[in-house]
């Protein structure tokens, strides 16, 4: 086999493995997004609070970015407001829409990447 064929086969394998792993990780994050655990915020006093709904298109648009940020920094608590036992946070944090991010006195409701970055950090 020539060198070109060997390199071509190696590149093809790399492309296929990358595509499969990207698809699998995307599916996993979608699975995480749909979970509806009951969240107790007293356990997370200094973290960024991410209030979202798994059926909200705006929330879905930013969920992956925030999820992967959290994989590295471990500073975000995900609160799915479709879990009825999490809804008391609506009054406690005066939530008017989702997605909403709160960190200390900073808060942002929306999908603008620069504002999200300001709240969650790099």
N, C-alpha and C. Protein backbone atom coordinates (compact mmCIF):
# COMPACT_ATOMS: atom_id res chain seq x y z
N UNK A 1 0.84 -1.18 0.00
CA UNK A 1 0.00 0.00 0.00
C UNK A 1 0.88 1.24 0.00
N UNK A 2 0.48 2.20 -0.75
CA UNK A 2 1.28 3.41 -0.82
C UNK A 2 1.03 4.28 0.41
N UNK A 3 1.91 5.20 0.59
CA UNK A 3 1.81 6.11 1.73
C UNK A 3 0.52 6.93 1.66
N UNK A 4 0.14 7.35 0.47
CA UNK A 4 -1.08 8.15 0.30
C UNK A 4 -2.31 7.35 0.72
N UNK A 5 -2.37 6.08 0.36
CA UNK A 5 -3.50 5.24 0.75
C UNK A 5 -3.54 5.04 2.26
N UNK A 6 -2.39 4.85 2.88
CA UNK A 6 -2.34 4.66 4.33
C UNK A 6 -2.82 5.92 5.05
N UNK A 7 -2.35 7.07 4.59
CA UNK A 7 -2.76 8.34 5.20
C UNK A 7 -4.25 8.57 4.98
N UNK A 8 -4.74 8.26 3.79
CA UNK A 8 -6.17 8.43 3.50
C UNK A 8 -7.02 7.56 4.40
N UNK A 9 -6.62 6.32 4.58
CA UNK A 9 -7.37 5.41 5.47
C UNK A 9 -7.33 5.91 6.91
N UNK A 10 -6.19 6.38 7.36
CA UNK A 10 -6.07 6.89 8.72
C UNK A 10 -6.95 8.12 8.91
N UNK A 11 -6.95 9.01 7.94
CA UNK A 11 -7.81 10.19 8.03
C UNK A 11 -9.29 9.81 8.02
N UNK A 12 -9.65 8.84 7.20
CA UNK A 12 -11.04 8.38 7.16
C UNK A 12 -11.46 7.82 8.51
N UNK A 13 -10.61 7.05 9.13
CA UNK A 13 -10.91 6.49 10.45
C UNK A 13 -11.07 7.62 11.47
N UNK A 14 -10.19 8.59 11.43
CA UNK A 14 -10.27 9.72 12.37
C UNK A 14 -11.57 10.48 12.17
N UNK A 15 -11.96 10.73 10.93
CA UNK A 15 -13.20 11.45 10.65
C UNK A 15 -14.40 10.67 11.17
N UNK A 16 -14.44 9.38 10.92
CA UNK A 16 -15.57 8.55 11.37
C UNK A 16 -15.63 8.51 12.89
N UNK A 17 -14.51 8.31 13.55
CA UNK A 17 -14.48 8.27 15.02
C UNK A 17 -14.92 9.62 15.59
N UNK A 18 -14.45 10.71 14.99
CA UNK A 18 -14.85 12.04 15.46
C UNK A 18 -16.35 12.26 15.29
N UNK A 19 -16.89 11.87 14.15
CA UNK A 19 -18.32 12.05 13.90
C UNK A 19 -19.16 11.22 14.88
N UNK A 20 -18.77 9.99 15.10
CA UNK A 20 -19.51 9.13 16.04
C UNK A 20 -19.42 9.66 17.46
N UNK A 21 -18.26 10.09 17.88
CA UNK A 21 -18.12 10.60 19.24
C UNK A 21 -18.87 11.93 19.41
N UNK A 22 -18.86 12.77 18.39
CA UNK A 22 -19.63 14.02 18.47
C UNK A 22 -21.12 13.73 18.59
N UNK A 23 -21.61 12.80 17.80
CA UNK A 23 -23.03 12.44 17.86
C UNK A 23 -23.38 11.87 19.23
N UNK A 24 -22.54 10.98 19.75
CA UNK A 24 -22.80 10.37 21.05
C UNK A 24 -22.79 11.41 22.16
N UNK A 25 -21.85 12.32 22.14
CA UNK A 25 -21.80 13.35 23.19
C UNK A 25 -22.99 14.29 23.08
N UNK A 26 -23.41 14.61 21.87
CA UNK A 26 -24.59 15.45 21.67
C UNK A 26 -25.83 14.76 22.24
N UNK A 27 -25.98 13.48 21.97
CA UNK A 27 -27.12 12.72 22.49
C UNK A 27 -27.08 12.66 24.02
N UNK A 28 -25.90 12.50 24.58
CA UNK A 28 -25.78 12.44 26.04
C UNK A 28 -26.20 13.76 26.68
N UNK A 29 -25.75 14.88 26.12
CA UNK A 29 -26.11 16.19 26.68
C UNK A 29 -27.62 16.40 26.55
N UNK A 30 -28.20 15.98 25.45
CA UNK A 30 -29.66 16.08 25.31
C UNK A 30 -30.36 15.26 26.39
N UNK A 31 -29.81 14.10 26.71
CA UNK A 31 -30.37 13.26 27.78
C UNK A 31 -30.28 13.98 29.13
N UNK A 32 -29.15 14.57 29.41
CA UNK A 32 -28.96 15.31 30.67
C UNK A 32 -29.95 16.47 30.75
N UNK A 33 -30.14 17.16 29.64
CA UNK A 33 -31.05 18.30 29.60
C UNK A 33 -32.48 17.90 29.95
N UNK A 34 -32.89 16.72 29.57
CA UNK A 34 -34.27 16.26 29.79
C UNK A 34 -34.51 15.75 31.22
N UNK A 35 -33.46 15.54 31.98
CA UNK A 35 -33.63 15.07 33.35
C UNK A 35 -34.29 16.14 34.20
N UNK A 36 -35.06 15.69 35.18
CA UNK A 36 -35.80 16.63 36.02
C UNK A 36 -35.57 16.36 37.51
N UNK A 37 -34.31 16.45 37.95
CA UNK A 37 -34.05 16.19 39.37
C UNK A 37 -34.57 17.34 40.24
N UNK A 38 -34.87 17.01 41.47
CA UNK A 38 -35.23 18.02 42.46
C UNK A 38 -33.92 18.62 42.96
N UNK A 39 -33.81 19.94 42.91
CA UNK A 39 -32.55 20.62 43.25
C UNK A 39 -32.70 21.33 44.58
N UNK A 40 -31.72 21.14 45.46
CA UNK A 40 -31.64 21.85 46.73
C UNK A 40 -30.47 22.81 46.64
N UNK A 41 -30.78 24.10 46.57
CA UNK A 41 -29.73 25.08 46.33
C UNK A 41 -28.87 25.38 47.55
N UNK A 42 -29.31 25.03 48.71
CA UNK A 42 -28.49 25.25 49.91
C UNK A 42 -27.16 24.51 49.81
N UNK A 43 -27.13 23.45 49.00
CA UNK A 43 -25.90 22.67 48.82
C UNK A 43 -24.92 23.34 47.86
N UNK A 44 -25.35 24.41 47.18
CA UNK A 44 -24.53 25.05 46.14
C UNK A 44 -24.50 26.57 46.32
N UNK A 45 -23.99 27.08 47.42
CA UNK A 45 -24.13 28.51 47.70
C UNK A 45 -23.38 29.45 46.76
N UNK A 46 -22.27 29.04 46.16
CA UNK A 46 -21.46 29.98 45.37
C UNK A 46 -21.47 29.67 43.88
N UNK A 47 -22.38 28.84 43.43
CA UNK A 47 -22.39 28.43 42.03
C UNK A 47 -23.33 29.29 41.20
N UNK A 48 -23.15 29.22 39.90
CA UNK A 48 -24.06 29.88 38.96
C UNK A 48 -25.32 29.04 38.88
N UNK A 49 -26.47 29.67 39.00
CA UNK A 49 -27.75 28.97 38.91
C UNK A 49 -28.27 29.14 37.49
N UNK A 50 -28.55 28.03 36.84
CA UNK A 50 -29.08 28.05 35.47
C UNK A 50 -30.49 27.48 35.50
N UNK A 51 -31.47 28.39 35.42
CA UNK A 51 -32.87 28.01 35.40
C UNK A 51 -33.30 27.84 33.95
N UNK A 52 -33.84 26.69 33.62
CA UNK A 52 -34.23 26.41 32.24
C UNK A 52 -35.43 25.46 32.24
N UNK A 53 -35.99 25.26 31.06
CA UNK A 53 -37.03 24.25 30.85
C UNK A 53 -36.57 23.39 29.68
N UNK A 54 -36.72 22.09 29.81
CA UNK A 54 -36.24 21.21 28.75
C UNK A 54 -37.06 21.30 27.47
N UNK A 55 -38.22 21.95 27.51
CA UNK A 55 -39.04 22.12 26.30
C UNK A 55 -38.97 23.55 25.75
N UNK A 56 -38.02 24.33 26.23
CA UNK A 56 -37.87 25.73 25.82
C UNK A 56 -36.81 25.84 24.71
N UNK A 57 -37.18 26.33 23.52
CA UNK A 57 -36.20 26.44 22.43
C UNK A 57 -35.00 27.34 22.76
N UNK A 58 -35.24 28.45 23.45
CA UNK A 58 -34.12 29.32 23.83
C UNK A 58 -33.19 28.61 24.81
N UNK A 59 -33.76 27.88 25.74
CA UNK A 59 -32.94 27.13 26.70
C UNK A 59 -32.12 26.06 25.98
N UNK A 60 -32.74 25.37 25.05
CA UNK A 60 -32.05 24.34 24.28
C UNK A 60 -30.92 24.94 23.45
N UNK A 61 -31.11 26.17 22.99
CA UNK A 61 -30.09 26.82 22.17
C UNK A 61 -28.80 27.08 22.93
N UNK A 62 -28.87 27.27 24.24
CA UNK A 62 -27.66 27.58 25.02
C UNK A 62 -27.25 26.45 25.96
N UNK A 63 -28.07 25.43 26.11
CA UNK A 63 -27.80 24.38 27.10
C UNK A 63 -26.44 23.72 26.86
N UNK A 64 -26.15 23.34 25.62
CA UNK A 64 -24.91 22.61 25.34
C UNK A 64 -23.69 23.44 25.72
N UNK A 65 -23.71 24.72 25.40
CA UNK A 65 -22.56 25.58 25.73
C UNK A 65 -22.35 25.64 27.24
N UNK A 66 -23.43 25.80 27.98
CA UNK A 66 -23.31 25.89 29.43
C UNK A 66 -22.92 24.54 30.03
N UNK A 67 -23.47 23.47 29.48
CA UNK A 67 -23.13 22.13 29.96
C UNK A 67 -21.62 21.88 29.80
N UNK A 68 -21.08 22.13 28.61
CA UNK A 68 -19.65 21.86 28.39
C UNK A 68 -18.76 22.80 29.19
N UNK A 69 -19.21 24.02 29.42
CA UNK A 69 -18.48 24.92 30.31
C UNK A 69 -18.41 24.29 31.71
N UNK A 70 -19.54 23.74 32.15
CA UNK A 70 -19.60 23.16 33.49
C UNK A 70 -18.77 21.89 33.61
N UNK A 71 -18.59 21.15 32.54
CA UNK A 71 -17.75 19.95 32.57
C UNK A 71 -16.33 20.33 32.99
N UNK A 72 -15.89 21.50 32.55
CA UNK A 72 -14.54 21.96 32.86
C UNK A 72 -14.49 22.69 34.21
N UNK A 73 -15.44 23.59 34.45
CA UNK A 73 -15.33 24.47 35.62
C UNK A 73 -16.12 24.00 36.84
N UNK A 74 -17.11 23.17 36.67
CA UNK A 74 -17.93 22.66 37.79
C UNK A 74 -18.53 23.78 38.63
N UNK A 75 -19.02 24.84 37.97
CA UNK A 75 -19.55 25.97 38.74
C UNK A 75 -21.01 26.30 38.42
N UNK A 76 -21.73 25.38 37.76
CA UNK A 76 -23.11 25.64 37.37
C UNK A 76 -24.03 24.59 37.97
N UNK A 77 -25.17 25.06 38.49
CA UNK A 77 -26.22 24.16 38.96
C UNK A 77 -27.37 24.28 37.96
N UNK A 78 -27.79 23.16 37.39
CA UNK A 78 -28.86 23.13 36.40
C UNK A 78 -30.19 22.88 37.11
N UNK A 79 -31.14 23.80 36.93
CA UNK A 79 -32.45 23.67 37.58
C UNK A 79 -33.51 23.65 36.49
N UNK A 80 -34.07 22.47 36.25
CA UNK A 80 -35.11 22.31 35.24
C UNK A 80 -36.44 22.71 35.88
N UNK A 81 -37.02 23.77 35.37
CA UNK A 81 -38.26 24.28 35.95
C UNK A 81 -39.48 23.45 35.55
N UNK A 82 -39.29 22.44 34.71
CA UNK A 82 -40.38 21.51 34.43
C UNK A 82 -40.55 20.49 35.56
N UNK A 83 -39.63 20.48 36.50
CA UNK A 83 -39.79 19.66 37.71
C UNK A 83 -40.63 20.48 38.68
N UNK A 84 -41.83 20.00 38.97
CA UNK A 84 -42.77 20.78 39.79
C UNK A 84 -42.19 21.16 41.15
N UNK A 85 -41.32 20.33 41.71
CA UNK A 85 -40.77 20.62 43.02
C UNK A 85 -39.64 21.66 42.97
N UNK A 86 -39.26 22.09 41.78
CA UNK A 86 -38.29 23.18 41.65
C UNK A 86 -38.98 24.52 41.45
N UNK A 87 -40.27 24.52 41.27
CA UNK A 87 -40.98 25.75 40.90
C UNK A 87 -41.05 26.78 42.02
N UNK A 88 -40.79 26.38 43.27
CA UNK A 88 -40.78 27.38 44.34
C UNK A 88 -39.66 28.41 44.15
N UNK A 89 -38.67 28.07 43.31
CA UNK A 89 -37.59 29.02 43.03
C UNK A 89 -38.08 30.20 42.19
N UNK A 90 -39.21 30.06 41.52
CA UNK A 90 -39.77 31.17 40.73
C UNK A 90 -39.98 32.38 41.63
N UNK A 91 -40.58 32.16 42.79
CA UNK A 91 -40.82 33.27 43.72
C UNK A 91 -39.56 33.67 44.46
N UNK A 92 -38.80 32.68 44.87
CA UNK A 92 -37.59 32.96 45.65
C UNK A 92 -36.60 33.82 44.86
N UNK A 93 -36.45 33.55 43.56
CA UNK A 93 -35.50 34.29 42.73
C UNK A 93 -36.18 35.27 41.77
N UNK A 94 -37.46 35.47 41.94
CA UNK A 94 -38.24 36.39 41.12
C UNK A 94 -38.00 36.15 39.63
N UNK A 95 -38.16 34.90 39.23
CA UNK A 95 -37.95 34.52 37.83
C UNK A 95 -39.15 34.93 36.99
N UNK A 96 -38.89 35.53 35.85
CA UNK A 96 -39.97 35.92 34.95
C UNK A 96 -39.88 35.19 33.61
N UNK A 97 -38.72 34.60 33.32
CA UNK A 97 -38.56 33.86 32.07
C UNK A 97 -37.38 32.91 32.20
N UNK A 98 -37.31 31.99 31.27
CA UNK A 98 -36.16 31.11 31.14
C UNK A 98 -35.64 31.23 29.72
N UNK A 99 -34.38 31.03 29.49
CA UNK A 99 -33.34 30.70 30.45
C UNK A 99 -32.92 31.92 31.28
N UNK A 100 -32.62 31.65 32.54
CA UNK A 100 -32.11 32.69 33.44
C UNK A 100 -30.88 32.15 34.15
N UNK A 101 -29.84 32.97 34.19
CA UNK A 101 -28.61 32.65 34.91
C UNK A 101 -28.45 33.64 36.04
N UNK A 102 -28.13 33.13 37.22
CA UNK A 102 -27.90 33.99 38.39
C UNK A 102 -26.60 33.56 39.06
N UNK A 103 -25.77 34.55 39.35
CA UNK A 103 -24.53 34.31 40.09
C UNK A 103 -24.34 35.47 41.04
N UNK A 104 -24.59 35.23 42.30
CA UNK A 104 -24.52 36.31 43.28
C UNK A 104 -25.56 37.36 42.95
N UNK A 105 -25.11 38.59 42.75
CA UNK A 105 -26.03 39.68 42.41
C UNK A 105 -26.19 39.86 40.90
N UNK A 106 -25.42 39.12 40.12
CA UNK A 106 -25.54 39.19 38.66
C UNK A 106 -26.64 38.25 38.20
N UNK A 107 -27.41 38.70 37.22
CA UNK A 107 -28.42 37.84 36.63
C UNK A 107 -28.63 38.23 35.18
N UNK A 108 -28.99 37.24 34.39
CA UNK A 108 -29.26 37.47 32.98
C UNK A 108 -30.31 36.47 32.51
N UNK A 109 -31.31 36.98 31.81
CA UNK A 109 -32.33 36.14 31.20
C UNK A 109 -32.25 36.34 29.70
N UNK A 110 -31.85 35.31 28.97
CA UNK A 110 -31.75 35.41 27.53
C UNK A 110 -30.71 34.47 26.97
N UNK A 111 -30.39 34.69 25.69
CA UNK A 111 -29.48 33.78 25.00
C UNK A 111 -28.24 34.47 24.43
N UNK A 112 -28.02 35.72 24.74
CA UNK A 112 -26.88 36.45 24.20
C UNK A 112 -25.58 35.91 24.80
N UNK A 113 -24.73 35.39 23.92
CA UNK A 113 -23.51 34.71 24.37
C UNK A 113 -22.60 35.59 25.23
N UNK A 114 -22.47 36.86 24.91
CA UNK A 114 -21.58 37.73 25.70
C UNK A 114 -22.09 37.90 27.12
N UNK A 115 -23.40 37.96 27.30
CA UNK A 115 -23.98 38.08 28.63
C UNK A 115 -23.85 36.78 29.41
N UNK A 116 -24.03 35.66 28.72
CA UNK A 116 -23.87 34.36 29.37
C UNK A 116 -22.43 34.19 29.84
N UNK A 117 -21.49 34.57 28.99
CA UNK A 117 -20.07 34.47 29.33
C UNK A 117 -19.75 35.33 30.54
N UNK A 118 -20.38 36.51 30.62
CA UNK A 118 -20.17 37.42 31.76
C UNK A 118 -20.60 36.74 33.06
N UNK A 119 -21.67 36.00 33.03
CA UNK A 119 -22.20 35.35 34.24
C UNK A 119 -21.41 34.08 34.59
N UNK A 120 -21.22 33.20 33.61
CA UNK A 120 -20.60 31.91 33.91
C UNK A 120 -19.08 31.94 33.86
N UNK A 121 -18.52 32.94 33.20
CA UNK A 121 -17.06 33.02 33.07
C UNK A 121 -16.59 32.24 31.87
N UNK A 122 -15.28 32.12 31.73
CA UNK A 122 -14.71 31.39 30.57
C UNK A 122 -14.62 29.93 30.84
